[in-house]
PDB file of all heavy atoms in Angstrom:
ATOM      1  N   LEU A   1       1.751   3.473   2.905  1.00  0.00           N
ATOM      2  CA  LEU A   1       2.348   4.162   4.049  1.00  0.00           C
ATOM      3  C   LEU A   1       1.533   3.951   5.323  1.00  0.00           C
ATOM      4  O   LEU A   1       2.086   3.807   6.415  1.00  0.00           O
ATOM      5  CB  LEU A   1       2.498   5.655   3.751  1.00  0.00           C
ATOM      6  CG  LEU A   1       3.085   6.524   4.880  1.00  0.00           C
ATOM      7  CD1 LEU A   1       4.499   6.068   5.247  1.00  0.00           C
ATOM      8  CD2 LEU A   1       3.090   8.004   4.475  1.00  0.00           C
ATOM      9  N   ALA A   2       0.204   3.932   5.205  1.00  0.00           N
ATOM     10  CA  ALA A   2      -0.645   3.744   6.390  1.00  0.00           C
ATOM     11  C   ALA A   2      -0.378   2.388   7.033  1.00  0.00           C
ATOM     12  O   ALA A   2      -0.244   2.277   8.254  1.00  0.00           O
ATOM     13  CB  ALA A   2      -2.118   3.876   6.017  1.00  0.00           C
ATOM     14  N   LEU A   3      -0.284   1.339   6.211  1.00  0.00           N
ATOM     15  CA  LEU A   3       0.015   0.002   6.723  1.00  0.00           C
ATOM     16  C   LEU A   3       1.387  -0.020   7.383  1.00  0.00           C
ATOM     17  O   LEU A   3       1.563  -0.563   8.477  1.00  0.00           O
ATOM     18  CB  LEU A   3      -0.031  -1.014   5.583  1.00  0.00           C
ATOM     19  CG  LEU A   3      -1.416  -1.314   4.998  1.00  0.00           C
ATOM     20  CD1 LEU A   3      -1.276  -1.995   3.637  1.00  0.00           C
ATOM     21  CD2 LEU A   3      -2.226  -2.186   5.944  1.00  0.00           C
ATOM     22  N   GLU A   4       2.358   0.589   6.712  1.00  0.00           N
ATOM     23  CA  GLU A   4       3.732   0.638   7.219  1.00  0.00           C
ATOM     24  C   GLU A   4       3.794   1.391   8.549  1.00  0.00           C
ATOM     25  O   GLU A   4       4.425   0.936   9.514  1.00  0.00           O
ATOM     26  CB  GLU A   4       4.604   1.334   6.169  1.00  0.00           C
ATOM     27  CG  GLU A   4       6.072   1.038   6.248  1.00  0.00           C
ATOM     28  CD  GLU A   4       6.792   1.559   5.017  1.00  0.00           C
ATOM     29  OE1 GLU A   4       6.415   2.627   4.481  1.00  0.00           O
ATOM     30  OE2 GLU A   4       7.737   0.888   4.588  1.00  0.00           O
ATOM     31  N   SER A   5       3.115   2.535   8.616  1.00  0.00           N
ATOM     32  CA  SER A   5       3.117   3.355   9.831  1.00  0.00           C
ATOM     33  C   SER A   5       2.402   2.643  10.975  1.00  0.00           C
ATOM     34  O   SER A   5       2.827   2.712  12.131  1.00  0.00           O
ATOM     35  CB  SER A   5       2.446   4.704   9.563  1.00  0.00           C
ATOM     36  OG  SER A   5       3.141   5.433   8.584  1.00  0.00           O
ATOM     37  N   LEU A   6       1.302   1.954  10.652  1.00  0.00           N
ATOM     38  CA  LEU A   6       0.557   1.217  11.670  1.00  0.00           C
ATOM     39  C   LEU A   6       1.408   0.096  12.252  1.00  0.00           C
ATOM     40  O   LEU A   6       1.527  -0.028  13.480  1.00  0.00           O
ATOM     41  CB  LEU A   6      -0.721   0.644  11.062  1.00  0.00           C
ATOM     42  CG  LEU A   6      -1.580  -0.249  11.976  1.00  0.00           C
ATOM     43  CD1 LEU A   6      -2.038   0.504  13.218  1.00  0.00           C
ATOM     44  CD2 LEU A   6      -2.774  -0.797  11.191  1.00  0.00           C
ATOM     45  N   GLY A   7       2.022  -0.696  11.382  1.00  0.00           N
ATOM     46  CA  GLY A   7       2.871  -1.792  11.850  1.00  0.00           C
ATOM     47  C   GLY A   7       4.041  -1.298  12.671  1.00  0.00           C
ATOM     48  O   GLY A   7       4.381  -1.877  13.716  1.00  0.00           O
ATOM     49  N   SER A   8       4.650  -0.201  12.228  1.00  0.00           N
ATOM     50  CA  SER A   8       5.793   0.370  12.934  1.00  0.00           C
ATOM     51  C   SER A   8       5.399   0.878  14.318  1.00  0.00           C
ATOM     52  O   SER A   8       6.103   0.652  15.309  1.00  0.00           O
ATOM     53  CB  SER A   8       6.389   1.515  12.104  1.00  0.00           C
ATOM     54  OG  SER A   8       7.424   2.165  12.789  1.00  0.00           O
ATOM     55  N   ALA A   9       4.247   1.568  14.394  1.00  0.00           N
ATOM     56  CA  ALA A   9       3.785   2.099  15.680  1.00  0.00           C
ATOM     57  C   ALA A   9       3.441   0.971  16.650  1.00  0.00           C
ATOM     58  O   ALA A   9       3.792   1.023  17.831  1.00  0.00           O
ATOM     59  CB  ALA A   9       2.575   2.999  15.463  1.00  0.00           C
ATOM     60  N   LEU A  10       2.756  -0.057  16.157  1.00  0.00           N
ATOM     61  CA  LEU A  10       2.405  -1.195  17.017  1.00  0.00           C
ATOM     62  C   LEU A  10       3.658  -1.878  17.552  1.00  0.00           C
ATOM     63  O   LEU A  10       3.723  -2.276  18.720  1.00  0.00           O
ATOM     64  CB  LEU A  10       1.549  -2.200  16.230  1.00  0.00           C
ATOM     65  CG  LEU A  10       0.134  -1.744  15.861  1.00  0.00           C
ATOM     66  CD1 LEU A  10      -0.506  -2.728  14.892  1.00  0.00           C
ATOM     67  CD2 LEU A  10      -0.738  -1.582  17.111  1.00  0.00           C
ATOM     68  N   GLU A  11       4.666  -1.984  16.700  1.00  0.00           N
ATOM     69  CA  GLU A  11       5.936  -2.602  17.108  1.00  0.00           C
ATOM     70  C   GLU A  11       6.629  -1.738  18.162  1.00  0.00           C
ATOM     71  O   GLU A  11       7.130  -2.236  19.171  1.00  0.00           O
ATOM     72  CB  GLU A  11       6.837  -2.770  15.877  1.00  0.00           C
ATOM     73  CG  GLU A  11       8.222  -3.317  16.163  1.00  0.00           C
ATOM     74  CD  GLU A  11       8.204  -4.766  16.601  1.00  0.00           C
ATOM     75  OE1 GLU A  11       7.212  -5.467  16.351  1.00  0.00           O
ATOM     76  OE2 GLU A  11       9.207  -5.208  17.202  1.00  0.00           O
ATOM     77  N   GLN A  12       6.654  -0.428  17.919  1.00  0.00           N
ATOM     78  CA  GLN A  12       7.292   0.497  18.856  1.00  0.00           C
ATOM     79  C   GLN A  12       6.607   0.458  20.220  1.00  0.00           C
ATOM     80  O   GLN A  12       7.256   0.554  21.269  1.00  0.00           O
ATOM     81  CB  GLN A  12       7.246   1.916  18.280  1.00  0.00           C
ATOM     82  CG  GLN A  12       8.048   2.940  19.073  1.00  0.00           C
ATOM     83  CD  GLN A  12       8.035   4.309  18.391  1.00  0.00           C
ATOM     84  OE1 GLN A  12       7.939   4.411  17.180  1.00  0.00           O
ATOM     85  NE2 GLN A  12       8.112   5.366  19.191  1.00  0.00           N
ATOM     86  N   LEU A  13       5.280   0.289  20.186  1.00  0.00           N
ATOM     87  CA  LEU A  13       4.493   0.248  21.423  1.00  0.00           C
ATOM     88  C   LEU A  13       4.486  -1.137  22.060  1.00  0.00           C
ATOM     89  O   LEU A  13       3.895  -1.320  23.123  1.00  0.00           O
ATOM     90  CB  LEU A  13       3.049   0.690  21.132  1.00  0.00           C
ATOM     91  CG  LEU A  13       2.874   2.143  20.670  1.00  0.00           C
ATOM     92  CD1 LEU A  13       1.494   2.350  20.050  1.00  0.00           C
ATOM     93  CD2 LEU A  13       3.087   3.112  21.834  1.00  0.00           C
ATOM     94  N   LYS A  14       5.104  -2.093  21.369  1.00  0.00           N
ATOM     95  CA  LYS A  14       5.171  -3.488  21.846  1.00  0.00           C
ATOM     96  C   LYS A  14       3.775  -4.067  22.115  1.00  0.00           C
ATOM     97  O   LYS A  14       3.530  -4.717  23.140  1.00  0.00           O
ATOM     98  CB  LYS A  14       6.060  -3.599  23.088  1.00  0.00           C
ATOM     99  CG  LYS A  14       7.522  -3.239  22.825  1.00  0.00           C
ATOM    100  CD  LYS A  14       8.377  -3.391  24.060  1.00  0.00           C
ATOM    101  CE  LYS A  14       9.858  -3.323  23.777  1.00  0.00           C
ATOM    102  NZ  LYS A  14      10.281  -2.322  22.801  1.00  0.00           N
ATOM    103  N   VAL A  15       2.864  -3.821  21.180  1.00  0.00           N
ATOM    104  CA  VAL A  15       1.497  -4.323  21.301  1.00  0.00           C
ATOM    105  C   VAL A  15       1.447  -5.793  20.905  1.00  0.00           C
ATOM    106  O   VAL A  15       1.966  -6.177  19.853  1.00  0.00           O
ATOM    107  CB  VAL A  15       0.528  -3.506  20.412  1.00  0.00           C
ATOM    108  CG1 VAL A  15      -0.878  -4.093  20.449  1.00  0.00           C
ATOM    109  CG2 VAL A  15       0.511  -2.045  20.858  1.00  0.00           C
ATOM    110  N   ASN A  16       0.870  -6.611  21.756  1.00  0.00           N
ATOM    111  CA  ASN A  16       0.711  -8.026  21.449  1.00  0.00           C
ATOM    112  C   ASN A  16      -0.193  -8.172  20.222  1.00  0.00           C
ATOM    113  O   ASN A  16      -1.287  -7.607  20.199  1.00  0.00           O
ATOM    114  CB  ASN A  16       0.089  -8.745  22.651  1.00  0.00           C
ATOM    115  CG  ASN A  16       0.089 -10.250  22.483  1.00  0.00           C
ATOM    116  OD1 ASN A  16      -0.240 -10.778  21.426  1.00  0.00           O
ATOM    117  ND2 ASN A  16       0.470 -10.955  23.549  1.00  0.00           N
ATOM    118  N   PRO A  17       0.232  -8.923  19.203  1.00  0.00           N
ATOM    119  CA  PRO A  17      -0.597  -9.082  17.997  1.00  0.00           C
ATOM    120  C   PRO A  17      -2.018  -9.562  18.293  1.00  0.00           C
ATOM    121  O   PRO A  17      -2.952  -9.235  17.555  1.00  0.00           O
ATOM    122  CB  PRO A  17       0.176 -10.111  17.172  1.00  0.00           C
ATOM    123  CG  PRO A  17       1.600  -9.915  17.577  1.00  0.00           C
ATOM    124  CD  PRO A  17       1.543  -9.586  19.044  1.00  0.00           C
ATOM    125  N   SER A  18      -2.205 -10.289  19.378  1.00  0.00           N
ATOM    126  CA  SER A  18      -3.548 -10.781  19.705  1.00  0.00           C
ATOM    127  C   SER A  18      -4.465  -9.667  20.207  1.00  0.00           C
ATOM    128  O   SER A  18      -5.682  -9.851  20.294  1.00  0.00           O
ATOM    129  CB  SER A  18      -3.460 -11.883  20.766  1.00  0.00           C
ATOM    130  OG  SER A  18      -2.981 -11.358  21.990  1.00  0.00           O
ATOM    131  N   ASN A  19      -3.886  -8.499  20.518  1.00  0.00           N
ATOM    132  CA  ASN A  19      -4.677  -7.367  21.026  1.00  0.00           C
ATOM    133  C   ASN A  19      -5.112  -6.395  19.933  1.00  0.00           C
ATOM    134  O   ASN A  19      -5.675  -5.341  20.222  1.00  0.00           O
ATOM    135  CB  ASN A  19      -3.901  -6.613  22.104  1.00  0.00           C
ATOM    136  CG  ASN A  19      -3.840  -7.392  23.407  1.00  0.00           C
ATOM    137  OD1 ASN A  19      -4.714  -8.213  23.682  1.00  0.00           O
ATOM    138  ND2 ASN A  19      -2.815  -7.149  24.205  1.00  0.00           N
ATOM    139  N   VAL A  20      -4.803  -6.746  18.661  1.00  0.00           N
ATOM    140  CA  VAL A  20      -5.246  -5.909  17.542  1.00  0.00           C
ATOM    141  C   VAL A  20      -5.859  -6.790  16.456  1.00  0.00           C
ATOM    142  O   VAL A  20      -5.491  -7.955  16.302  1.00  0.00           O
ATOM    143  CB  VAL A  20      -4.100  -5.067  16.922  1.00  0.00           C
ATOM    144  CG1 VAL A  20      -3.619  -4.009  17.884  1.00  0.00           C
ATOM    145  CG2 VAL A  20      -2.955  -5.938  16.469  1.00  0.00           C
ATOM    146  N   LEU A  21      -6.798  -6.210  15.738  1.00  0.00           N
ATOM    147  CA  LEU A  21      -7.405  -6.862  14.582  1.00  0.00           C
ATOM    148  C   LEU A  21      -7.311  -5.865  13.439  1.00  0.00           C
ATOM    149  O   LEU A  21      -7.830  -4.747  13.543  1.00  0.00           O
ATOM    150  CB  LEU A  21      -8.866  -7.215  14.891  1.00  0.00           C
ATOM    151  CG  LEU A  21      -9.659  -7.984  13.824  1.00  0.00           C
ATOM    152  CD1 LEU A  21      -9.026  -9.345  13.543  1.00  0.00           C
ATOM    153  CD2 LEU A  21     -11.101  -8.160  14.272  1.00  0.00           C
ATOM    154  N   ILE A  22      -6.615  -6.245  12.379  1.00  0.00           N
ATOM    155  CA  ILE A  22      -6.359  -5.319  11.275  1.00  0.00           C
ATOM    156  C   ILE A  22      -7.154  -5.721  10.045  1.00  0.00           C
ATOM    157  O   ILE A  22      -7.120  -6.877   9.613  1.00  0.00           O
ATOM    158  CB  ILE A  22      -4.851  -5.261  10.945  1.00  0.00           C
ATOM    159  CG1 ILE A  22      -4.068  -4.742  12.154  1.00  0.00           C
ATOM    160  CG2 ILE A  22      -4.606  -4.363   9.730  1.00  0.00           C
ATOM    161  CD1 ILE A  22      -2.555  -4.855  12.001  1.00  0.00           C
ATOM    162  N   SER A  23      -7.881  -4.759   9.510  1.00  0.00           N
ATOM    163  CA  SER A  23      -8.601  -4.947   8.245  1.00  0.00           C
ATOM    164  C   SER A  23      -7.794  -4.263   7.144  1.00  0.00           C
ATOM    165  O   SER A  23      -7.424  -3.098   7.270  1.00  0.00           O
ATOM    166  CB  SER A  23      -9.993  -4.317   8.345  1.00  0.00           C
ATOM    167  OG  SER A  23     -10.579  -4.213   7.065  1.00  0.00           O
ATOM    168  N   ASN A  24      -7.519  -5.006   6.075  1.00  0.00           N
ATOM    169  CA  ASN A  24      -6.802  -4.429   4.941  1.00  0.00           C
ATOM    170  C   ASN A  24      -7.681  -4.526   3.701  1.00  0.00           C
ATOM    171  O   ASN A  24      -8.029  -5.613   3.251  1.00  0.00           O
ATOM    172  CB  ASN A  24      -5.477  -5.171   4.708  1.00  0.00           C
ATOM    173  CG  ASN A  24      -4.608  -4.464   3.670  1.00  0.00           C
ATOM    174  OD1 ASN A  24      -4.931  -3.377   3.208  1.00  0.00           O
ATOM    175  ND2 ASN A  24      -3.503  -5.088   3.293  1.00  0.00           N
ATOM    176  N   LYS A  25      -8.057  -3.370   3.176  1.00  0.00           N
ATOM    177  CA  LYS A  25      -8.845  -3.316   1.949  1.00  0.00           C
ATOM    178  C   LYS A  25      -7.870  -3.428   0.773  1.00  0.00           C
ATOM    179  O   LYS A  25      -7.005  -2.567   0.602  1.00  0.00           O
ATOM    180  CB  LYS A  25      -9.656  -2.029   1.891  1.00  0.00           C
ATOM    181  CG  LYS A  25     -10.633  -1.885   3.077  1.00  0.00           C
ATOM    182  CD  LYS A  25     -11.636  -0.765   2.876  1.00  0.00           C
ATOM    183  CE  LYS A  25     -11.015   0.603   2.970  1.00  0.00           C
ATOM    184  NZ  LYS A  25     -10.728   1.026   4.347  1.00  0.00           N
ATOM    185  N   LEU A  26      -8.010  -4.478  -0.005  1.00  0.00           N
ATOM    186  CA  LEU A  26      -7.019  -4.835  -1.013  1.00  0.00           C
ATOM    187  C   LEU A  26      -7.421  -4.401  -2.413  1.00  0.00           C
ATOM    188  O   LEU A  26      -8.601  -4.311  -2.738  1.00  0.00           O
ATOM    189  CB  LEU A  26      -6.803  -6.351  -0.998  1.00  0.00           C
ATOM    190  CG  LEU A  26      -6.446  -6.960   0.362  1.00  0.00           C
ATOM    191  CD1 LEU A  26      -6.555  -8.475   0.309  1.00  0.00           C
ATOM    192  CD2 LEU A  26      -5.050  -6.525   0.783  1.00  0.00           C
ATOM    193  N   GLY A  27      -6.411  -4.172  -3.240  1.00  0.00           N
ATOM    194  CA  GLY A  27      -6.674  -3.812  -4.629  1.00  0.00           C
ATOM    195  C   GLY A  27      -5.685  -2.806  -5.191  1.00  0.00           C
ATOM    196  O   GLY A  27      -5.665  -2.534  -6.390  1.00  0.00           O
ATOM    197  N   TRP A  28      -4.829  -2.260  -4.299  1.00  0.00           N
ATOM    198  CA  TRP A  28      -3.808  -1.303  -4.742  1.00  0.00           C
ATOM    199  C   TRP A  28      -2.440  -1.773  -4.256  1.00  0.00           C
ATOM    200  O   TRP A  28      -2.265  -2.100  -3.087  1.00  0.00           O
ATOM    201  CB  TRP A  28      -4.107   0.103  -4.216  1.00  0.00           C
ATOM    202  CG  TRP A  28      -5.294   0.706  -4.889  1.00  0.00           C
ATOM    203  CD1 TRP A  28      -6.603   0.528  -4.554  1.00  0.00           C
ATOM    204  CD2 TRP A  28      -5.285   1.551  -6.043  1.00  0.00           C
ATOM    205  NE1 TRP A  28      -7.414   1.217  -5.418  1.00  0.00           N
ATOM    206  CE2 TRP A  28      -6.645   1.852  -6.345  1.00  0.00           C
ATOM    207  CE3 TRP A  28      -4.276   2.073  -6.851  1.00  0.00           C
ATOM    208  CZ2 TRP A  28      -6.994   2.660  -7.425  1.00  0.00           C
ATOM    209  CZ3 TRP A  28      -4.643   2.887  -7.925  1.00  0.00           C
ATOM    210  CH2 TRP A  28      -5.981   3.173  -8.198  1.00  0.00           C
ATOM    211  N   LEU A  29      -1.496  -1.801  -5.189  1.00  0.00           N
ATOM    212  CA  LEU A  29      -0.153  -2.332  -4.925  1.00  0.00           C
ATOM    213  C   LEU A  29       0.886  -1.210  -4.973  1.00  0.00           C
ATOM    214  O   LEU A  29       0.906  -0.416  -5.915  1.00  0.00           O
ATOM    215  CB  LEU A  29       0.193  -3.391  -5.981  1.00  0.00           C
ATOM    216  CG  LEU A  29       1.419  -4.249  -5.726  1.00  0.00           C
ATOM    217  CD1 LEU A  29       1.132  -5.290  -4.647  1.00  0.00           C
ATOM    218  CD2 LEU A  29       1.840  -4.941  -7.021  1.00  0.00           C
ATOM    219  N   ARG A  30       1.736  -1.150  -3.950  1.00  0.00           N
ATOM    220  CA  ARG A  30       2.809  -0.139  -3.919  1.00  0.00           C
ATOM    221  C   ARG A  30       3.794  -0.378  -5.071  1.00  0.00           C
ATOM    222  O   ARG A  30       4.226  -1.504  -5.312  1.00  0.00           O
ATOM    223  CB  ARG A  30       3.551  -0.213  -2.591  1.00  0.00           C
ATOM    224  CG  ARG A  30       4.796   0.657  -2.564  1.00  0.00           C
ATOM    225  CD  ARG A  30       5.579   0.522  -1.282  1.00  0.00           C
ATOM    226  NE  ARG A  30       4.999   1.335  -0.206  1.00  0.00           N
ATOM    227  CZ  ARG A  30       5.611   1.561   0.953  1.00  0.00           C
ATOM    228  NH1 ARG A  30       6.800   1.036   1.205  1.00  0.00           N
ATOM    229  NH2 ARG A  30       5.031   2.307   1.878  1.00  0.00           N
ATOM    230  N   THR A  31       4.140   0.698  -5.767  1.00  0.00           N
ATOM    231  CA  THR A  31       5.121   0.633  -6.858  1.00  0.00           C
ATOM    232  C   THR A  31       6.070   1.831  -6.758  1.00  0.00           C
ATOM    233  O   THR A  31       5.868   2.737  -5.949  1.00  0.00           O
ATOM    234  CB  THR A  31       4.428   0.664  -8.238  1.00  0.00           C
ATOM    235  OG1 THR A  31       3.642   1.855  -8.334  1.00  0.00           O
ATOM    236  CG2 THR A  31       3.548  -0.557  -8.441  1.00  0.00           C
ATOM    237  N   GLU A  32       7.058   1.824  -7.612  1.00  0.00           N
ATOM    238  CA  GLU A  32       8.042   2.911  -7.630  1.00  0.00           C
ATOM    239  C   GLU A  32       7.380   4.222  -8.067  1.00  0.00           C
ATOM    240  O   GLU A  32       6.534   4.244  -8.963  1.00  0.00           O
ATOM    241  CB  GLU A  32       9.162   2.551  -8.611  1.00  0.00           C
ATOM    242  CG  GLU A  32      10.294   3.569  -8.679  1.00  0.00           C
ATOM    243  CD  GLU A  32      11.328   3.215  -9.737  1.00  0.00           C
ATOM    244  OE1 GLU A  32      11.227   2.116 -10.324  1.00  0.00           O
ATOM    245  OE2 GLU A  32      12.222   4.051  -9.970  1.00  0.00           O
ATOM    246  N   LEU A  33       7.767   5.311  -7.415  1.00  0.00           N
ATOM    247  CA  LEU A  33       7.270   6.638  -7.776  1.00  0.00           C
ATOM    248  C   LEU A  33       8.163   7.220  -8.868  1.00  0.00           C
ATOM    249  O   LEU A  33       9.333   7.501  -8.636  1.00  0.00           O
ATOM    250  CB  LEU A  33       7.251   7.557  -6.544  1.00  0.00           C
ATOM    251  CG  LEU A  33       6.717   8.974  -6.755  1.00  0.00           C
ATOM    252  CD1 LEU A  33       5.239   8.955  -7.154  1.00  0.00           C
ATOM    253  CD2 LEU A  33       6.910   9.820  -5.502  1.00  0.00           C
ATOM    254  N   LYS A  34       7.607   7.390 -10.064  1.00  0.00           N
ATOM    255  CA  LYS A  34       8.399   7.869 -11.200  1.00  0.00           C
ATOM    256  C   LYS A  34       8.018   9.281 -11.623  1.00  0.00           C
ATOM    257  O   LYS A  34       8.603   9.839 -12.544  1.00  0.00           O
ATOM    258  CB  LYS A  34       8.211   6.921 -12.392  1.00  0.00           C
ATOM    259  CG  LYS A  34       8.720   5.502 -12.126  1.00  0.00           C
ATOM    260  CD  LYS A  34       8.456   4.610 -13.317  1.00  0.00           C
ATOM    261  CE  LYS A  34       8.973   3.200 -13.056  1.00  0.00           C
ATOM    262  NZ  LYS A  34       8.666   2.278 -14.174  1.00  0.00           N
ATOM    263  N   THR A  35       7.019   9.835 -10.953  1.00  0.00           N
ATOM    264  CA  THR A  35       6.554  11.188 -11.278  1.00  0.00           C
ATOM    265  C   THR A  35       6.670  12.071 -10.041  1.00  0.00           C
ATOM    266  O   THR A  35       7.010  11.601  -8.953  1.00  0.00           O
ATOM    267  CB  THR A  35       5.093  11.150 -11.766  1.00  0.00           C
ATOM    268  OG1 THR A  35       4.314  10.368 -10.847  1.00  0.00           O
ATOM    269  CG2 THR A  35       4.984  10.504 -13.143  1.00  0.00           C
ATOM    270  N   SER A  36       6.353  13.353 -10.199  1.00  0.00           N
ATOM    271  CA  SER A  36       6.529  14.286  -9.076  1.00  0.00           C
ATOM    272  C   SER A  36       5.565  14.004  -7.934  1.00  0.00           C
ATOM    273  O   SER A  36       5.832  14.341  -6.787  1.00  0.00           O
ATOM    274  CB  SER A  36       6.379  15.728  -9.561  1.00  0.00           C
ATOM    275  OG  SER A  36       5.103  15.914 -10.146  1.00  0.00           O
TER     276      SER A  36
END
């Protein structure tokens, strides 16, 4: 959600991609929520 919200906000603000540097710490993959 954080990645999704960040990308959405940057797009809404029309920020030039060259004006941001994004670090993504990898190792967790989004999957379907099957529990509460």
